[in-house]
C-alpha atoms as a PDB file:
ATOM      1  CA  UNK A   1     -13.820 -45.475  10.216  1.00  0.00           C
ATOM      2  CA  UNK A   2     -12.803 -43.408   7.211  1.00  0.00           C
ATOM      3  CA  UNK A   3      -9.251 -43.171   6.021  1.00  0.00           C
ATOM      4  CA  UNK A   4      -8.057 -40.087   4.182  1.00  0.00           C
ATOM      5  CA  UNK A   5      -5.829 -40.625   1.192  1.00  0.00           C
ATOM      6  CA  UNK A   6      -2.449 -38.896   1.021  1.00  0.00           C
ATOM      7  CA  UNK A   7      -3.707 -36.743  -1.874  1.00  0.00           C
ATOM      8  CA  UNK A   8      -6.742 -35.607   0.102  1.00  0.00           C
ATOM      9  CA  UNK A   9      -4.513 -34.687   3.046  1.00  0.00           C
ATOM     10  CA  UNK A  10      -2.239 -32.686   0.762  1.00  0.00           C
ATOM     11  CA  UNK A  11      -5.239 -30.958  -0.824  1.00  0.00           C
ATOM     12  CA  UNK A  12      -6.552 -29.966   2.600  1.00  0.00           C
ATOM     13  CA  UNK A  13      -3.141 -28.670   3.617  1.00  0.00           C
ATOM     14  CA  UNK A  14      -2.840 -26.748   0.352  1.00  0.00           C
ATOM     15  CA  UNK A  15      -6.277 -25.171   0.794  1.00  0.00           C
ATOM     16  CA  UNK A  16      -5.443 -24.144   4.355  1.00  0.00           C
ATOM     17  CA  UNK A  17      -2.171 -22.599   3.145  1.00  0.00           C
ATOM     18  CA  UNK A  18      -4.024 -20.722   0.432  1.00  0.00           C
ATOM     19  CA  UNK A  19      -6.507 -19.278   2.933  1.00  0.00           C
ATOM     20  CA  UNK A  20      -3.646 -18.170   5.170  1.00  0.00           C
ATOM     21  CA  UNK A  21      -1.825 -16.601   2.224  1.00  0.00           C
ATOM     22  CA  UNK A  22      -4.950 -14.608   1.337  1.00  0.00           C
ATOM     23  CA  UNK A  23      -5.194 -13.337   4.927  1.00  0.00           C
ATOM     24  CA  UNK A  24      -1.507 -12.422   4.945  1.00  0.00           C
ATOM     25  CA  UNK A  25      -1.827 -10.590   1.605  1.00  0.00           C
ATOM     26  CA  UNK A  26      -4.821  -8.613   2.895  1.00  0.00           C
ATOM     27  CA  UNK A  27      -2.863  -7.661   6.021  1.00  0.00           C
ATOM     28  CA  UNK A  28       0.125  -6.595   3.901  1.00  0.00           C
ATOM     29  CA  UNK A  29      -2.029  -4.410   1.654  1.00  0.00           C
ATOM     30  CA  UNK A  30      -3.809  -2.788   4.602  1.00  0.00           C
ATOM     31  CA  UNK A  31      -0.482  -2.052   6.282  1.00  0.00           C
ATOM     32  CA  UNK A  32       0.938  -0.623   3.030  1.00  0.00           C
ATOM     33  CA  UNK A  33      -2.031   1.732   2.658  1.00  0.00           C
ATOM     34  CA  UNK A  34      -1.668   2.874   6.264  1.00  0.00           C
ATOM     35  CA  UNK A  35       2.086   3.397   5.919  1.00  0.00           C
ATOM     36  CA  UNK A  36       1.783   5.236   2.593  1.00  0.00           C
ATOM     37  CA  UNK A  37      -0.708   7.668   4.090  1.00  0.00           C
ATOM     38  CA  UNK A  38       1.672   8.695   6.871  1.00  0.00           C
ATOM     39  CA  UNK A  39       3.384  11.189   4.604  1.00  0.00           C
ATOM     40  CA  UNK A  40       2.550  13.279   1.564  1.00  0.00           C
ATOM     41  CA  UNK A  41       6.215  13.785   0.654  1.00  0.00           C
ATOM     42  CA  UNK A  42       7.182  13.135  -2.939  1.00  0.00           C
ATOM     43  CA  UNK A  43       8.365   9.541  -3.404  1.00  0.00           C
ATOM     44  CA  UNK A  44       7.037   8.217  -0.081  1.00  0.00           C
ATOM     45  CA  UNK A  45       4.212   6.217  -1.645  1.00  0.00           C
ATOM     46  CA  UNK A  46       6.556   4.663  -4.207  1.00  0.00           C
ATOM     47  CA  UNK A  47       9.033   3.704  -1.489  1.00  0.00           C
ATOM     48  CA  UNK A  48       6.279   2.032   0.530  1.00  0.00           C
ATOM     49  CA  UNK A  49       5.051   0.154  -2.539  1.00  0.00           C
ATOM     50  CA  UNK A  50       8.567  -1.040  -3.297  1.00  0.00           C
ATOM     51  CA  UNK A  51       9.076  -2.227   0.280  1.00  0.00           C
ATOM     52  CA  UNK A  52       5.725  -4.056   0.196  1.00  0.00           C
ATOM     53  CA  UNK A  53       6.596  -5.660  -3.139  1.00  0.00           C
ATOM     54  CA  UNK A  54       3.617  -4.205  -4.988  1.00  0.00           C
ATOM     55  CA  UNK A  55       3.265  -1.792  -7.895  1.00  0.00           C
ATOM     56  CA  UNK A  56       2.976   1.894  -7.012  1.00  0.00           C
ATOM     57  CA  UNK A  57      -0.111   2.251  -9.187  1.00  0.00           C
ATOM     58  CA  UNK A  58      -1.787  -0.656  -7.391  1.00  0.00           C
ATOM     59  CA  UNK A  59      -1.105   1.042  -4.049  1.00  0.00           C
ATOM     60  CA  UNK A  60      -2.500   4.314  -5.414  1.00  0.00           C
ATOM     61  CA  UNK A  61      -5.618   2.454  -6.561  1.00  0.00           C
ATOM     62  CA  UNK A  62      -6.050   0.888  -3.121  1.00  0.00           C
ATOM     63  CA  UNK A  63      -5.681   4.263  -1.399  1.00  0.00           C
ATOM     64  CA  UNK A  64      -8.134   5.935  -3.769  1.00  0.00           C
ATOM     65  CA  UNK A  65     -10.643   3.131  -3.226  1.00  0.00           C
ATOM     66  CA  UNK A  66     -10.393   3.235   0.577  1.00  0.00           C
ATOM     67  CA  UNK A  67      -9.797   6.975   1.010  1.00  0.00           C
ATOM     68  CA  UNK A  68     -11.232   8.843  -1.995  1.00  0.00           C
ATOM     69  CA  UNK A  69      -9.558  12.199  -2.566  1.00  0.00           C
ATOM     70  CA  UNK A  70      -6.531  11.579  -0.362  1.00  0.00           C
ATOM     71  CA  UNK A  71      -4.122  11.401  -3.304  1.00  0.00           C
ATOM     72  CA  UNK A  72      -5.391  14.721  -4.684  1.00  0.00           C
ATOM     73  CA  UNK A  73      -5.088  16.286  -1.239  1.00  0.00           C
ATOM     74  CA  UNK A  74      -1.532  14.986  -0.902  1.00  0.00           C
ATOM     75  CA  UNK A  75      -0.655  16.459  -4.303  1.00  0.00           C
ATOM     76  CA  UNK A  76      -2.078  19.831  -3.234  1.00  0.00           C
ATOM     77  CA  UNK A  77      -0.045  19.721  -0.023  1.00  0.00           C
ATOM     78  CA  UNK A  78       3.132  19.003  -1.987  1.00  0.00           C
ATOM     79  CA  UNK A  79       2.327  21.809  -4.414  1.00  0.00           C
ATOM     80  CA  UNK A  80       1.695  24.272  -1.565  1.00  0.00           C
ATOM     81  CA  UNK A  81       4.910  23.250   0.210  1.00  0.00           C
ATOM     82  CA  UNK A  82       6.881  23.700  -2.997  1.00  0.00           C
ATOM     83  CA  UNK A  83       5.357  27.138  -3.581  1.00  0.00           C
ATOM     84  CA  UNK A  84       6.158  28.182  -0.014  1.00  0.00           C
ATOM     85  CA  UNK A  85       9.701  26.897  -0.405  1.00  0.00           C
ATOM     86  CA  UNK A  86      10.160  28.844  -3.645  1.00  0.00           C
ATOM     87  CA  UNK A  87       8.829  32.055  -2.035  1.00  0.00           C
ATOM     88  CA  UNK A  88      11.214  31.601   0.880  1.00  0.00           C
ATOM     89  CA  UNK A  89      14.151  31.114  -1.470  1.00  0.00           C
ATOM     90  CA  UNK A  90      13.210  34.223  -3.464  1.00  0.00           C
ATOM     91  CA  UNK A  91      12.837  36.309  -0.301  1.00  0.00           C
ATOM     92  CA  UNK A  92      16.276  35.229   0.890  1.00  0.00           C
ATOM     93  CA  UNK A  93      17.884  36.193  -2.427  1.00  0.00           C
END
């Protein structure tokens, strides 16, 4: 019969907690990427990053890694929407 020392028990508990924390962090990052990609509106990505407690640039890097070109596409969509909005405002004037 083997007895486990209190330090060994704490180490095991700590290692299990660390593994769970890594899983939780991965789930958080995946959810942040998914949420950020729901909209191309200006400021949406930054708001998602803030809510997730991560840096906006880190979220951008994750999105670019998992979905190459999406950020550029989102920028083009914002640019096109702004141009359409400006044309509509000029036509109304």
